[in-house]
Amino acid sequence: MIRVNFNEKELSVKEGTRVLDLVDKKDRKNLVVCQVGAQVKELHYILSEKNDGMTIKLLNLSNAEAGRAYNASLRYIIAMAFYNIFPDVKIRFSYNISRAISCQAITKSFNMARAVDAISAEVKRIVEADLPIERVTVTIEEATEIYKKFHLDDKIEILKYRPENTVHLYKCGNYYNYLHSYMVPSTGCIQNYTITPFSPGLIIQYPRHDWDANIPEFQEESVYCKTLQRAFDWAEKTKLQTVCDINRKVDSGEVLEFVQLCEAHHNRQLAELGDAIEKEIENVRLVAIAGPSSSGKTTFCNRLRIELLSRGINPVTISLDDYYFEKEKICEIQGKPADELDLEHINCLDIELFNKDLFDLINGEEVTLPRFNFMIGKREAGKTIRVEQNVPIIIEGIHALNEKLTKSIPKHQKFKIYIAPHVQLNIDNHAPLSITSARLIRRIVRDMNFRNCPAATTIDMWQSVRNGEFKWIYPNQENADYVFNSSLGYELCVLKRRAMEALTKIEPSDPQYLTANRLIKTLKYFREIDDESLVPCNSLLREFIGGSCFKV
């Protein structure tokens, strides 16, 4: 017998007992996965001596890891439904607008809109049948034969980059697949989802842990949708849609060409931005830039300034950081003690002074800008400037796209830029790479390099960072005049060594291990690019690995 703490009760159970066996049958459909010690496990997990004395927690959809397993399990069932009805049709999942997943047909002649009713009915049938989803371990050779049977050629190709000699697959009836994720114990656990036609494919929504386990209201987000479609199209044209596509570029020996191809995509976007701003230069007085953490905003601002200089436009940059109130004032505004302040709130900025200074500058007045001295936590007098006609002012910050921040400036005088790495990359057709995970890997490497900050600390801060993004950045992205996709197809090949070094320091008993292990499982498939000298000194990637000519 082994002792475990289950649901805050001490239990003695036999070795070989599944966690699922400890759950009342009527409650099983409300659960997704569990946490044994510091690690996520499936509910089919079998307890043994090594679990003696451990705490077991049941995780439902209020938990982020459970949400990822639910997402993957839903994709598994939809892929199974397609195989059952349209066995010759290949599909690809990707993350999309409104925190949803899109499903597109790779088989060009297939009409998704006409298939939605049949697919929805088959998914419903599979869910209502409450079929067990069982994890099985097979050899690489056995996995290859199984994938051949189910026409999963993309999964066969990724196997050669897998460092292990065995493969975990999931079996449901006679169907096999692997979604690079933990799974629910049975199809009946997937009770809440929507499948909707949305050209050129389907939009799949599922409960979100950050929405109290509910499905968010669908928002079309046309600007963001166009950005993702543009990223998808570029990846398709350049054959950079999957990890295998990227690894082939590295293995080909033409790494320099690969790096330059991706950098050229950034150059092209900068040129487009330059054209757009130059065309409207008589009206544009303010260029506002915002984006989530680790988007490469600092380097981007430098490169945009140079792009504009090449066109005879000499922009002036103003830092929003210099307009922060002193902490005592923020305490007064928010009515909270210093240790409870929301320092990302827009009311931390002196909006009235900022608007007055902007208005005066745009109207040709001489202005003495403030300078926030972070050493003493107070504002001081900064430099005095005057802005000439047809010289735009650049601002960058979390609130830069918020109309409240620049209310004194007419909308037609603003050019708003949203920057983020809009990754449209898959491990295989059924397993899209999380855009958020790509940014977190960037930040882990940057914090380790420049802030002497271990990966565990970065992971601990990440949810707070994300909360601020959802509150202050994402609601304003649809107002952007241009969206700059800062992803670089080769970046994870360069970041891999540094990120793995940081992540492997996190022990299985550490609370950050869940996230670290998930990122490691993603990074392990990428070939490494060892020669960092191939990365240009002005690349956005230099903001994270060092060596930037802008000394970021």
Protein backbone atom coordinates (compact mmCIF):
# COMPACT_ATOMS: atom_id res chain seq x y z
CA MET A 1 0.00 0.00 0.00
CA ILE A 2 1.09 3.58 -0.66
CA ARG A 3 -0.05 6.77 1.06
CA VAL A 4 -1.29 9.77 -0.93
CA ASN A 5 -3.03 13.03 -0.12
CA PHE A 6 -6.06 13.12 -2.41
CA ASN A 7 -8.66 15.89 -2.26
CA GLU A 8 -7.17 16.96 1.08
CA LYS A 9 -7.65 13.47 2.52
CA GLU A 10 -4.98 10.96 3.45
CA LEU A 11 -5.59 7.70 1.59
CA SER A 12 -3.88 4.32 1.47
CA VAL A 13 -4.19 2.75 -1.98
CA LYS A 14 -2.81 -0.29 -3.72
CA GLU A 15 0.05 0.02 -6.17
CA GLY A 16 -1.33 -0.04 -9.68
CA THR A 17 -4.35 2.09 -8.79
CA ARG A 18 -5.20 4.72 -11.41
CA VAL A 19 -5.92 8.26 -10.27
CA LEU A 20 -9.21 7.93 -12.17
CA ASP A 21 -10.17 5.06 -9.86
CA LEU A 22 -10.11 7.48 -6.91
CA VAL A 23 -12.71 9.74 -8.56
CA ASP A 24 -16.44 9.21 -8.13
CA LYS A 25 -17.91 8.11 -11.47
CA LYS A 26 -20.45 10.94 -11.55
CA ASP A 27 -17.62 13.51 -11.32
CA ARG A 28 -15.33 12.09 -13.99
CA LYS A 29 -16.67 14.09 -16.94
CA ASN A 30 -15.93 17.36 -15.10
CA LEU A 31 -12.21 16.65 -14.86
CA VAL A 32 -9.39 16.90 -17.38
CA VAL A 33 -6.00 15.96 -15.91
CA CYS A 34 -4.37 15.80 -12.48
CA GLN A 35 -1.25 17.00 -10.73
CA VAL A 36 0.85 14.40 -8.93
CA GLY A 37 3.47 16.17 -6.86
CA ALA A 38 4.69 18.98 -9.12
CA GLN A 39 3.94 17.22 -12.41
CA VAL A 40 0.85 17.07 -14.62
CA LYS A 41 -0.40 13.56 -15.26
CA GLU A 42 -3.36 12.06 -17.04
CA LEU A 43 -6.18 10.59 -15.01
CA HIS A 44 -5.17 7.14 -16.28
CA TYR A 45 -1.85 7.61 -14.45
CA ILE A 46 -0.96 4.52 -12.42
CA LEU A 47 0.28 5.11 -8.87
CA SER A 48 3.42 3.33 -7.67
CA GLU A 49 5.89 3.40 -4.79
CA LYS A 50 7.57 6.54 -6.11
CA ASN A 51 4.30 8.40 -5.46
CA ASP A 52 4.24 7.47 -1.77
CA GLY A 53 3.53 10.58 0.33
CA MET A 54 2.65 12.76 -2.68
CA THR A 55 -0.27 15.13 -3.02
CA ILE A 56 -2.67 14.54 -5.92
CA LYS A 57 -4.78 17.42 -7.19
CA LEU A 58 -7.60 17.10 -9.71
CA LEU A 59 -7.39 19.82 -12.35
CA ASN A 60 -10.48 21.18 -14.09
CA LEU A 61 -10.87 23.89 -16.71
CA SER A 62 -9.99 26.67 -14.27
CA ASN A 63 -6.38 25.46 -14.60
CA ALA A 64 -4.16 26.47 -17.55
CA GLU A 65 -2.57 23.03 -18.00
CA ALA A 66 -6.00 21.39 -17.94
CA GLY A 67 -7.12 23.90 -20.57
CA ARG A 68 -4.27 22.86 -22.87
CA ALA A 69 -5.18 19.18 -22.46
CA TYR A 70 -8.83 19.94 -23.20
CA ASN A 71 -7.82 21.89 -26.32
CA ALA A 72 -5.62 19.02 -27.56
CA SER A 73 -8.29 16.41 -26.81
CA LEU A 74 -10.87 18.37 -28.79
CA ARG A 75 -8.46 18.59 -31.74
CA TYR A 76 -7.89 14.83 -31.43
CA ILE A 77 -11.64 14.15 -31.65
CA ILE A 78 -12.08 16.48 -34.65
CA ALA A 79 -9.14 14.83 -36.44
CA MET A 80 -10.72 11.45 -35.67
CA ALA A 81 -14.07 12.66 -37.07
CA PHE A 82 -12.38 13.77 -40.30
CA TYR A 83 -10.64 10.40 -40.63
CA ASN A 84 -13.91 8.54 -40.06
CA ILE A 85 -15.84 10.51 -42.71
CA PHE A 86 -13.18 11.90 -45.06
CA PRO A 87 -10.15 9.58 -44.63
CA ASP A 88 -8.25 11.06 -47.60
CA VAL A 89 -8.56 14.68 -46.47
CA LYS A 90 -5.62 16.25 -44.67
CA ILE A 91 -6.30 19.09 -42.23
CA ARG A 92 -4.15 21.56 -40.31
CA PHE A 93 -4.95 23.26 -37.01
CA SER A 94 -3.58 26.68 -36.09
CA TYR A 95 -4.23 29.26 -33.38
CA ASN A 96 -6.49 32.02 -34.57
CA ILE A 97 -8.59 35.03 -33.64
CA SER A 98 -10.77 35.29 -30.54
CA ARG A 99 -8.55 32.80 -28.67
CA ALA A 100 -9.84 30.04 -30.92
CA ILE A 101 -8.38 27.39 -33.21
CA SER A 102 -8.82 27.30 -36.95
CA CYS A 103 -9.00 24.10 -38.98
CA GLN A 104 -8.14 24.32 -42.67
CA ALA A 105 -8.01 21.66 -45.34
CA ILE A 106 -4.58 21.04 -46.85
CA THR A 107 -6.30 18.97 -49.50
CA LYS A 108 -6.98 21.83 -51.91
CA SER A 109 -10.11 20.50 -53.59
CA PHE A 110 -11.94 19.94 -50.30
CA ASN A 111 -14.80 22.31 -49.41
CA MET A 112 -14.81 22.84 -45.63
CA ALA A 113 -18.08 24.79 -45.57
CA ARG A 114 -20.00 21.88 -47.04
CA ALA A 115 -18.47 19.44 -44.57
CA VAL A 116 -19.19 21.32 -41.34
CA ASP A 117 -22.54 19.65 -40.61
CA ALA A 118 -21.19 16.14 -41.16
CA ILE A 119 -18.09 16.82 -39.07
CA SER A 120 -20.11 18.41 -36.25
CA ALA A 121 -22.47 15.42 -36.18
CA GLU A 122 -19.57 12.95 -36.07
CA VAL A 123 -17.82 14.86 -33.28
CA LYS A 124 -21.06 14.86 -31.31
CA ARG A 125 -21.43 11.10 -31.85
CA ILE A 126 -17.88 10.45 -30.65
CA VAL A 127 -18.37 12.60 -27.55
CA GLU A 128 -21.69 11.00 -26.64
CA ALA A 129 -20.17 7.52 -27.02
CA ASP A 130 -17.74 8.44 -24.20
CA LEU A 131 -14.96 6.33 -25.69
CA PRO A 132 -11.80 5.77 -23.62
CA ILE A 133 -8.68 7.58 -24.84
CA GLU A 134 -5.78 5.33 -23.93
CA ARG A 135 -2.10 6.14 -23.95
CA VAL A 136 0.12 3.48 -25.50
CA THR A 137 3.90 3.34 -25.88
CA VAL A 138 5.38 1.98 -29.11
CA THR A 139 8.72 1.93 -30.88
CA ILE A 140 9.64 4.43 -33.59
CA GLU A 141 9.17 1.68 -36.18
CA GLU A 142 5.71 0.75 -34.85
CA ALA A 143 4.67 4.41 -34.76
CA THR A 144 5.77 4.81 -38.37
CA GLU A 145 3.55 1.93 -39.51
CA ILE A 146 0.59 3.26 -37.54
CA TYR A 147 1.00 6.75 -39.00
CA LYS A 148 1.19 5.30 -42.51
CA LYS A 149 -2.15 3.58 -41.96
CA PHE A 150 -3.80 6.87 -40.96
CA HIS A 151 -2.09 8.93 -43.72
CA LEU A 152 -0.20 11.02 -41.13
CA ASP A 153 2.95 11.53 -43.19
CA ASP A 154 3.84 14.76 -41.38
CA LYS A 155 3.99 12.86 -38.08
CA ILE A 156 6.32 10.26 -39.60
CA GLU A 157 8.74 13.00 -40.63
CA ILE A 158 8.88 14.59 -37.16
CA LEU A 159 9.86 11.23 -35.62
CA LYS A 160 13.44 11.54 -36.90
CA TYR A 161 13.91 14.66 -34.78
CA ARG A 162 12.60 12.96 -31.63
CA PRO A 163 15.51 12.16 -29.27
CA GLU A 164 13.70 9.25 -27.56
CA ASN A 165 13.53 5.71 -28.98
CA THR A 166 9.86 5.26 -28.09
CA VAL A 167 6.70 7.18 -28.94
CA HIS A 168 3.54 7.81 -26.93
CA LEU A 169 0.37 7.51 -29.00
CA TYR A 170 -3.28 7.80 -28.05
CA LYS A 171 -5.77 5.13 -29.04
CA CYS A 172 -9.51 5.68 -29.21
CA GLY A 173 -11.36 2.68 -30.59
CA ASN A 174 -9.39 1.82 -33.73
CA TYR A 175 -8.04 5.36 -34.19
CA TYR A 176 -4.48 6.42 -33.30
CA ASN A 177 -2.96 9.91 -33.13
CA TYR A 178 -0.60 12.01 -31.03
CA LEU A 179 -1.19 15.70 -30.24
CA HIS A 180 2.01 16.48 -28.25
CA SER A 181 -0.08 17.01 -25.13
CA TYR A 182 -1.75 15.29 -22.23
CA MET A 183 -5.28 14.06 -22.95
CA VAL A 184 -8.60 13.64 -21.16
CA PRO A 185 -9.49 10.06 -20.12
CA SER A 186 -12.45 9.72 -22.49
CA THR A 187 -14.24 11.55 -25.28
CA GLY A 188 -17.22 12.23 -22.99
CA CYS A 189 -15.11 14.76 -21.05
CA ILE A 190 -15.34 17.16 -24.01
CA GLN A 191 -18.75 18.64 -23.25
CA ASN A 192 -18.33 22.28 -24.25
CA TYR A 193 -17.13 23.47 -27.66
CA THR A 194 -18.32 25.14 -30.85
CA ILE A 195 -17.48 24.36 -34.49
CA THR A 196 -18.35 27.16 -36.92
CA PRO A 197 -17.58 27.69 -40.61
CA PHE A 198 -15.23 30.65 -41.03
CA SER A 199 -13.58 31.01 -44.43
CA PRO A 200 -11.36 29.37 -45.51
CA GLY A 201 -12.02 26.68 -42.88
CA LEU A 202 -13.59 26.16 -39.46
CA ILE A 203 -13.27 28.04 -36.19
CA ILE A 204 -13.20 25.87 -33.08
CA GLN A 205 -13.88 27.43 -29.70
CA TYR A 206 -13.39 25.80 -26.32
CA PRO A 207 -13.56 26.84 -22.63
CA ARG A 208 -10.69 29.05 -21.45
CA HIS A 209 -9.22 28.87 -17.97
CA ASP A 210 -8.89 32.67 -17.97
CA TRP A 211 -12.59 33.02 -18.76
CA ASP A 212 -13.84 31.10 -15.72
CA ALA A 213 -13.86 27.91 -17.80
CA ASN A 214 -16.32 29.45 -20.28
CA ILE A 215 -16.07 29.99 -24.02
CA PRO A 216 -15.35 33.66 -24.79
CA GLU A 217 -17.80 35.48 -27.01
CA PHE A 218 -16.53 35.24 -30.58
CA GLN A 219 -15.05 38.47 -31.90
CA GLU A 220 -14.13 38.67 -35.55
CA GLU A 221 -11.03 40.90 -35.09
CA SER A 222 -10.55 41.60 -38.78
CA VAL A 223 -7.13 43.28 -38.42
CA TYR A 224 -5.71 40.39 -36.40
CA CYS A 225 -7.34 37.86 -38.74
CA LYS A 226 -5.68 39.46 -41.79
CA THR A 227 -2.35 39.43 -39.98
CA LEU A 228 -2.58 35.72 -39.19
CA GLN A 229 -3.67 34.91 -42.73
CA ARG A 230 -0.75 36.92 -44.09
CA ALA A 231 1.63 35.02 -41.78
CA PHE A 232 0.09 31.72 -42.87
CA ASP A 233 0.44 32.64 -46.56
CA TRP A 234 4.08 33.70 -46.14
CA ALA A 235 4.93 30.47 -44.31
CA GLU A 236 3.27 28.50 -47.10
CA LYS A 237 5.12 30.35 -49.87
CA THR A 238 8.52 29.98 -48.18
CA LYS A 239 7.85 26.38 -47.05
CA LEU A 240 8.20 27.24 -43.36
CA GLN A 241 4.95 25.83 -42.02
CA THR A 242 6.24 23.05 -39.78
CA VAL A 243 9.21 22.25 -37.57
CA CYS A 244 10.32 19.74 -40.22
CA ASP A 245 10.32 22.52 -42.83
CA ILE A 246 12.61 24.57 -40.60
CA ASN A 247 14.89 21.65 -39.78
CA ARG A 248 15.30 20.88 -43.48
CA LYS A 249 16.57 24.43 -43.98
CA VAL A 250 19.16 23.91 -41.24
CA ASP A 251 20.15 20.43 -42.42
CA SER A 252 20.58 21.65 -45.98
CA GLY A 253 23.70 23.58 -45.01
CA GLU A 254 22.19 26.82 -46.31
CA VAL A 255 21.66 28.37 -42.88
CA LEU A 256 22.83 31.83 -43.95
CA GLU A 257 20.24 31.88 -46.73
CA PHE A 258 17.57 30.73 -44.25
CA VAL A 259 18.44 33.48 -41.76
CA GLN A 260 18.55 36.14 -44.47
CA LEU A 261 15.21 34.95 -45.89
CA CYS A 262 13.52 35.54 -42.55
CA GLU A 263 15.28 38.88 -42.01
CA ALA A 264 14.20 39.97 -45.50
CA HIS A 265 10.60 39.47 -44.41
CA HIS A 266 11.16 42.03 -41.63
CA ASN A 267 12.88 44.39 -44.07
CA ARG A 268 9.91 44.14 -46.41
CA GLN A 269 7.47 45.02 -43.64
CA LEU A 270 9.62 47.98 -42.58
CA ALA A 271 9.64 49.19 -46.18
CA GLU A 272 5.84 48.89 -46.29
CA LEU A 273 5.61 50.91 -43.10
CA GLY A 274 7.96 53.52 -44.49
CA ASP A 275 5.82 53.80 -47.64
CA ALA A 276 2.61 54.15 -45.63
CA ILE A 277 3.96 56.83 -43.29
CA GLU A 278 5.73 58.74 -46.08
CA LYS A 279 2.54 58.77 -48.12
CA GLU A 280 0.63 60.42 -45.26
CA ILE A 281 3.49 62.48 -43.83
CA GLU A 282 1.58 65.74 -44.18
CA ASN A 283 -1.03 64.37 -41.77
CA VAL A 284 0.95 61.98 -39.55
CA ARG A 285 2.23 63.78 -36.47
CA LEU A 286 2.28 60.85 -34.06
CA VAL A 287 3.49 57.28 -34.60
CA ALA A 288 2.27 55.10 -31.71
CA ILE A 289 3.74 51.62 -31.16
CA ALA A 290 2.50 48.91 -28.78
CA GLY A 291 2.72 45.17 -28.42
CA PRO A 292 2.92 42.40 -25.83
CA SER A 293 6.04 41.41 -23.91
CA SER A 294 9.04 40.12 -25.89
CA SER A 295 7.77 41.33 -29.24
CA GLY A 296 11.03 43.13 -30.02
CA LYS A 297 9.60 46.65 -29.63
CA THR A 298 12.87 48.37 -28.70
CA THR A 299 14.82 47.14 -31.72
CA PHE A 300 11.80 47.69 -33.95
CA CYS A 301 11.58 51.36 -32.91
CA ASN A 302 15.25 51.83 -33.78
CA ARG A 303 14.86 50.15 -37.16
CA LEU A 304 11.68 52.07 -37.98
CA ARG A 305 13.45 55.34 -37.18
CA ILE A 306 16.27 54.42 -39.58
CA GLU A 307 13.73 53.44 -42.25
CA LEU A 308 12.13 56.87 -41.93
CA LEU A 309 15.52 58.62 -41.92
CA SER A 310 16.28 56.94 -45.26
CA ARG A 311 13.23 58.76 -46.64
CA GLY A 312 14.27 62.17 -45.32
CA ILE A 313 11.94 61.93 -42.31
CA ASN A 314 13.67 62.63 -38.99
CA PRO A 315 11.30 61.49 -36.22
CA VAL A 316 11.54 62.50 -32.57
CA THR A 317 11.11 59.80 -29.93
CA ILE A 318 9.41 60.45 -26.59
CA SER A 319 9.49 57.90 -23.79
CA LEU A 320 6.21 57.23 -22.00
CA ASP A 321 8.22 56.05 -18.98
CA ASP A 322 9.10 59.70 -18.27
CA TYR A 323 5.43 60.49 -17.68
CA TYR A 324 4.91 58.08 -14.79
CA PHE A 325 3.55 59.60 -11.61
CA GLU A 326 5.57 59.19 -8.44
CA LYS A 327 4.53 56.19 -6.37
CA GLU A 328 2.89 58.30 -3.66
CA LYS A 329 0.66 59.90 -6.28
CA ILE A 330 -0.28 56.50 -7.74
CA CYS A 331 -1.21 55.27 -4.25
CA GLU A 332 -3.50 58.30 -3.92
CA ILE A 333 -5.08 57.75 -7.37
CA GLN A 334 -5.67 54.01 -6.91
CA GLY A 335 -6.46 54.21 -3.19
CA LYS A 336 -4.12 51.33 -2.41
CA PRO A 337 -0.90 50.78 -0.45
CA ALA A 338 2.34 50.60 -2.45
CA ASP A 339 2.55 46.80 -2.40
CA GLU A 340 -0.92 46.44 -3.98
CA LEU A 341 -0.57 48.92 -6.86
CA ASP A 342 -1.36 48.03 -10.46
CA LEU A 343 1.68 49.69 -12.02
CA GLU A 344 0.46 48.86 -15.53
CA HIS A 345 -2.77 50.82 -15.13
CA ILE A 346 -3.12 53.77 -17.48
CA ASN A 347 -3.78 56.06 -14.49
CA CYS A 348 -0.13 55.61 -13.47
CA LEU A 349 0.71 57.98 -16.34
CA ASP A 350 0.28 61.74 -16.24
CA ILE A 351 -2.07 61.78 -19.22
CA GLU A 352 -2.89 65.48 -18.92
CA LEU A 353 0.77 66.56 -19.04
CA PHE A 354 1.53 64.10 -21.83
CA ASN A 355 -1.31 65.43 -23.98
CA LYS A 356 -0.34 69.04 -23.27
CA ASP A 357 3.27 68.39 -24.29
CA LEU A 358 2.21 66.51 -27.44
CA PHE A 359 -0.24 69.24 -28.42
CA ASP A 360 2.34 71.98 -27.92
CA LEU A 361 5.05 70.11 -29.83
CA ILE A 362 2.79 69.36 -32.78
CA ASN A 363 1.85 73.04 -32.90
CA GLY A 364 5.48 74.14 -33.07
CA GLU A 365 5.96 75.15 -29.42
CA GLU A 366 9.19 74.60 -27.49
CA VAL A 367 8.65 72.07 -24.69
CA THR A 368 10.79 70.95 -21.77
CA LEU A 369 10.11 67.25 -21.44
CA PRO A 370 10.08 65.47 -18.09
CA ARG A 371 12.60 62.76 -17.23
CA PHE A 372 11.70 60.10 -14.70
CA ASN A 373 14.63 59.29 -12.42
CA PHE A 374 14.01 55.65 -11.53
CA MET A 375 16.89 55.68 -9.03
CA ILE A 376 15.00 58.06 -6.75
CA GLY A 377 11.48 57.42 -8.09
CA LYS A 378 10.79 61.04 -9.03
CA ARG A 379 10.29 63.15 -12.16
CA GLU A 380 12.85 65.78 -13.09
CA ALA A 381 13.19 68.31 -15.88
CA GLY A 382 14.57 66.74 -19.06
CA LYS A 383 15.65 68.07 -22.44
CA THR A 384 13.97 70.99 -24.18
CA ILE A 385 12.91 70.36 -27.78
CA ARG A 386 10.94 71.82 -30.65
CA VAL A 387 9.48 69.66 -33.44
CA GLU A 388 9.51 70.93 -37.00
CA GLN A 389 6.56 70.59 -39.37
CA ASN A 390 6.27 67.16 -41.03
CA VAL A 391 8.44 65.59 -38.30
CA PRO A 392 6.47 62.78 -36.60
CA ILE A 393 6.78 61.97 -32.90
CA ILE A 394 7.30 58.29 -32.03
CA ILE A 395 5.93 56.89 -28.76
CA GLU A 396 6.16 53.28 -27.62
CA GLY A 397 4.58 51.58 -24.62
CA ILE A 398 1.86 49.37 -23.26
CA HIS A 399 -0.78 52.12 -23.63
CA ALA A 400 0.46 53.70 -26.86
CA LEU A 401 -2.58 52.56 -28.89
CA ASN A 402 -5.09 53.58 -26.21
CA GLU A 403 -7.08 56.62 -27.36
CA LYS A 404 -7.25 57.87 -23.75
CA LEU A 405 -3.51 58.43 -23.80
CA THR A 406 -3.49 60.72 -26.85
CA LYS A 407 -6.94 62.27 -26.69
CA SER A 408 -5.66 65.75 -27.65
CA ILE A 409 -4.43 64.51 -31.03
CA PRO A 410 -6.98 64.00 -33.86
CA LYS A 411 -7.18 60.42 -35.09
CA HIS A 412 -6.15 61.33 -38.63
CA GLN A 413 -2.84 62.64 -37.26
CA LYS A 414 -1.96 59.30 -35.64
CA PHE A 415 -0.38 56.25 -37.23
CA LYS A 416 -0.77 53.25 -34.93
CA ILE A 417 1.48 50.19 -35.14
CA TYR A 418 0.90 46.91 -33.32
CA ILE A 419 3.89 44.57 -33.08
CA ALA A 420 3.91 40.90 -32.03
CA PRO A 421 5.37 37.60 -33.23
CA HIS A 422 2.41 36.12 -35.10
CA VAL A 423 3.75 32.60 -35.40
CA GLN A 424 1.92 30.31 -37.81
CA LEU A 425 4.08 27.25 -37.23
CA ASN A 426 3.16 23.66 -36.44
CA ILE A 427 5.06 20.78 -34.89
CA ASP A 428 2.90 18.75 -37.25
CA ASN A 429 -0.44 19.41 -38.94
CA HIS A 430 -2.47 18.66 -35.81
CA ALA A 431 -0.20 20.42 -33.27
CA PRO A 432 0.20 24.20 -33.71
CA LEU A 433 2.97 26.01 -31.85
CA SER A 434 1.63 28.42 -29.25
CA ILE A 435 2.39 32.08 -30.02
CA THR A 436 2.52 32.74 -26.28
CA SER A 437 5.08 29.96 -25.74
CA ALA A 438 7.32 31.46 -28.43
CA ARG A 439 7.27 34.82 -26.63
CA LEU A 440 7.92 33.20 -23.26
CA ILE A 441 11.00 31.44 -24.66
CA ARG A 442 12.26 34.80 -25.97
CA ARG A 443 11.73 36.38 -22.56
CA ILE A 444 13.41 33.55 -20.65
CA VAL A 445 16.54 33.95 -22.78
CA ARG A 446 16.50 37.75 -22.52
CA ASP A 447 15.98 37.77 -18.75
CA MET A 448 18.79 35.27 -18.26
CA ASN A 449 21.16 37.25 -20.50
CA PHE A 450 20.49 40.80 -19.37
CA ARG A 451 18.73 40.70 -16.00
CA ASN A 452 20.48 37.81 -14.27
CA CYS A 453 17.00 36.39 -13.88
CA PRO A 454 16.54 32.58 -13.80
CA ALA A 455 13.86 30.90 -15.88
CA ALA A 456 11.84 30.04 -12.77
CA THR A 457 11.44 33.73 -11.90
CA THR A 458 10.42 34.62 -15.46
CA ILE A 459 7.83 31.83 -15.47
CA ASP A 460 6.47 33.02 -12.11
CA MET A 461 5.96 36.54 -13.49
CA TRP A 462 4.50 35.42 -16.80
CA GLN A 463 0.84 35.13 -15.78
CA SER A 464 0.91 38.64 -14.33
CA VAL A 465 2.44 39.87 -17.59
CA ARG A 466 -0.28 38.09 -19.57
CA ASN A 467 -3.02 39.58 -17.38
CA GLY A 468 -1.72 43.07 -18.18
CA GLU A 469 -1.64 42.28 -21.89
CA PHE A 470 -5.25 41.12 -21.95
CA LYS A 471 -6.29 44.21 -20.02
CA TRP A 472 -4.31 46.94 -21.76
CA ILE A 473 -2.84 45.76 -25.07
CA TYR A 474 -5.05 43.26 -26.87
CA PRO A 475 -8.26 45.37 -26.64
CA ASN A 476 -6.52 48.07 -28.71
CA GLN A 477 -4.85 45.97 -31.41
CA GLU A 478 -7.80 46.25 -33.78
CA ASN A 479 -7.22 50.02 -33.89
CA ALA A 480 -3.81 49.56 -35.52
CA ASP A 481 -3.05 50.99 -38.95
CA TYR A 482 -0.32 48.39 -39.45
CA VAL A 483 0.51 45.11 -37.71
CA PHE A 484 4.19 44.15 -37.76
CA ASN A 485 4.82 40.42 -37.49
CA SER A 486 8.06 40.18 -35.50
CA SER A 487 8.43 36.39 -35.67
CA LEU A 488 11.54 34.97 -37.29
CA GLY A 489 11.29 31.46 -38.72
CA TYR A 490 14.78 30.54 -37.53
CA GLU A 491 14.63 32.04 -34.03
CA LEU A 492 13.86 28.90 -31.99
CA CYS A 493 16.85 27.18 -33.61
CA VAL A 494 19.06 29.93 -32.20
CA LEU A 495 17.25 30.30 -28.87
CA LYS A 496 17.12 26.54 -28.21
CA ARG A 497 20.53 26.08 -26.58
CA ARG A 498 20.19 29.07 -24.26
CA ALA A 499 16.57 28.29 -23.38
CA MET A 500 17.25 24.62 -22.68
CA GLU A 501 20.17 25.59 -20.46
CA ALA A 502 17.85 27.79 -18.40
CA LEU A 503 14.85 25.44 -18.37
CA THR A 504 16.72 22.27 -17.40
CA LYS A 505 17.82 23.95 -14.17
CA ILE A 506 14.22 23.72 -12.97
CA GLU A 507 13.74 20.53 -10.96
CA PRO A 508 10.72 18.21 -11.28
CA SER A 509 9.74 19.17 -7.72
CA ASP A 510 9.68 22.91 -8.53
CA PRO A 511 6.29 24.57 -9.15
CA GLN A 512 7.58 26.03 -12.44
CA TYR A 513 8.37 22.55 -13.80
CA LEU A 514 4.98 22.19 -15.52
CA THR A 515 5.70 25.12 -17.81
CA ALA A 516 9.40 24.35 -18.19
CA ASN A 517 8.71 20.75 -19.21
CA ARG A 518 6.13 21.86 -21.78
CA LEU A 519 8.62 24.28 -23.37
CA ILE A 520 11.38 21.66 -23.36
CA LYS A 521 9.08 19.22 -25.15
CA THR A 522 8.56 21.81 -27.88
CA LEU A 523 12.20 22.89 -28.23
CA LYS A 524 13.57 19.35 -28.43
CA TYR A 525 12.29 18.95 -32.00
CA PHE A 526 14.24 21.92 -33.39
CA ARG A 527 17.67 21.65 -34.95
CA GLU A 528 20.13 24.11 -33.42
CA ILE A 529 21.83 26.93 -35.28
CA ASP A 530 25.15 27.15 -33.48
CA ASP A 531 26.74 29.99 -35.43
CA GLU A 532 25.11 33.07 -33.94
CA SER A 533 27.35 35.29 -36.06
CA LEU A 534 24.88 34.60 -38.89
CA VAL A 535 22.27 36.69 -37.04
CA PRO A 536 22.56 40.31 -38.25
CA CYS A 537 23.54 42.86 -35.60
CA ASN A 538 20.33 44.83 -36.22
CA SER A 539 18.05 41.78 -36.02
CA LEU A 540 15.16 41.85 -33.56
CA LEU A 541 16.52 38.55 -32.27
CA ARG A 542 19.61 40.41 -30.99
CA GLU A 543 17.34 42.04 -28.42
CA PHE A 544 17.14 38.64 -26.73
CA ILE A 545 20.51 36.96 -27.39
CA GLY A 546 22.72 40.05 -27.23
CA GLY A 547 25.13 41.61 -29.69
CA SER A 548 22.73 44.26 -30.97
CA CYS A 549 24.23 47.23 -32.76
CA PHE A 550 21.57 49.25 -30.95
CA LYS A 551 22.95 48.00 -27.60
CA VAL A 552 19.48 46.97 -26.43
